[in-house]
Protein backbone atom coordinates (compact mmCIF):
# COMPACT_ATOMS: atom_id res chain seq x y z
CA MET A 1 -55.16 38.10 84.75
CA SER A 2 -57.56 35.54 85.75
CA PHE A 3 -61.19 36.02 84.70
CA LYS A 4 -62.37 36.75 88.28
CA SER A 5 -59.85 39.56 88.21
CA PHE A 6 -61.20 40.90 84.88
CA LEU A 7 -64.62 40.81 86.18
CA ILE A 8 -63.86 42.92 89.09
CA LEU A 9 -61.95 45.42 86.98
CA TYR A 10 -64.78 45.60 84.39
CA ALA A 11 -67.44 46.28 87.29
CA ILE A 12 -65.37 48.86 88.82
CA ALA A 13 -64.74 50.59 85.13
CA ILE A 14 -68.28 50.73 84.53
CA ASP A 15 -69.24 51.96 88.04
CA LEU A 16 -66.58 54.88 87.56
CA ALA A 17 -67.94 55.52 83.92
CA ILE A 18 -71.64 55.62 85.22
CA GLN A 19 -70.75 58.22 88.14
CA LYS A 20 -70.99 61.73 86.95
CA PRO A 21 -68.76 64.18 89.07
CA MET A 22 -70.81 66.86 91.14
CA MET A 23 -70.12 70.26 89.54
CA CYS A 24 -71.28 73.56 91.17
CA VAL A 25 -72.80 76.66 89.67
CA PRO A 26 -70.12 78.98 88.97
CA GLY A 27 -70.29 82.10 91.07
CA LYS A 28 -72.51 80.37 93.60
CA SER A 29 -71.66 80.49 97.28
CA PHE A 30 -73.01 78.79 100.58
CA PHE A 31 -72.19 79.12 104.18
CA ASP A 32 -71.48 75.91 105.82
CA GLY A 33 -72.19 76.70 109.46
CA CYS A 34 -68.50 78.14 109.77
CA ASN A 35 -66.91 78.92 106.57
CA THR A 36 -67.97 80.42 103.06
CA CYS A 37 -67.55 78.11 100.03
CA THR A 38 -67.59 79.50 96.58
CA CYS A 39 -67.99 77.85 93.17
CA THR A 40 -65.10 78.59 90.70
CA ASP A 41 -65.50 78.91 86.92
CA ASP A 42 -64.56 75.50 86.24
CA GLY A 43 -67.53 74.05 88.68
CA ASN A 44 -65.40 73.06 91.78
CA PHE A 45 -65.67 74.76 94.94
CA ILE A 46 -63.28 76.47 97.46
CA CYS A 47 -64.01 77.34 101.03
CA THR A 48 -62.41 79.50 103.59
CA MET A 49 -60.49 77.80 106.31
CA THR A 50 -61.65 79.19 109.58
CA ALA A 51 -61.16 77.05 112.37
CA CYS A 52 -64.64 76.20 113.64
CA GLU A 53 -65.38 75.57 117.22
CA ASP A 54 -68.14 76.30 119.92
CA TYR A 55 -67.72 76.47 123.78
CA ASP A 56 -69.59 74.06 125.68
CA PRO A 57 -70.22 75.37 129.24
CA GLU A 58 -71.26 72.11 130.49
CA THR A 59 -67.94 70.34 130.01
CA ASP A 60 -65.69 73.63 129.60
CA THR A 61 -64.38 72.34 126.32
CA SER A 62 -64.43 73.39 122.75
CA VAL A 63 -66.57 71.27 120.48
CA PRO A 64 -66.61 71.10 116.82
CA VAL A 65 -69.46 72.93 114.81
CA LYS A 66 -71.76 70.96 112.67
CA ILE A 67 -70.85 71.56 109.09
CA LEU A 68 -73.87 71.96 106.83
CA GLU A 69 -74.26 70.34 103.13
CA PRO A 70 -74.42 72.80 100.33
CA PRO A 71 -78.01 73.50 99.32
CA PRO A 72 -79.22 71.54 96.38
CA ASP A 73 -79.26 74.61 94.04
CA PHE A 74 -75.62 74.73 94.79
CA TRP A 75 -74.99 71.96 92.11
CA GLN A 76 -75.60 71.82 88.51
CA ASN A 77 -78.31 69.48 87.36
CA SER A 78 -79.64 69.05 90.71
């Protein structure tokens, strides 16, 4: 392995080690504009999977619903 490759791998490893995964608050839920998402006991979240579209009368077409981000208090250590 060349020194340059080693440095690149080292930089990636450091970056991954520094990043902490986002863990949600167990039992907490939020509505994302279409679906309800709930935090599981292990700090991950699951969401219902409803197809989300609005009707645009001007174009006579369906348009995607804007999906909302979780509120800050949904996350642990926020």
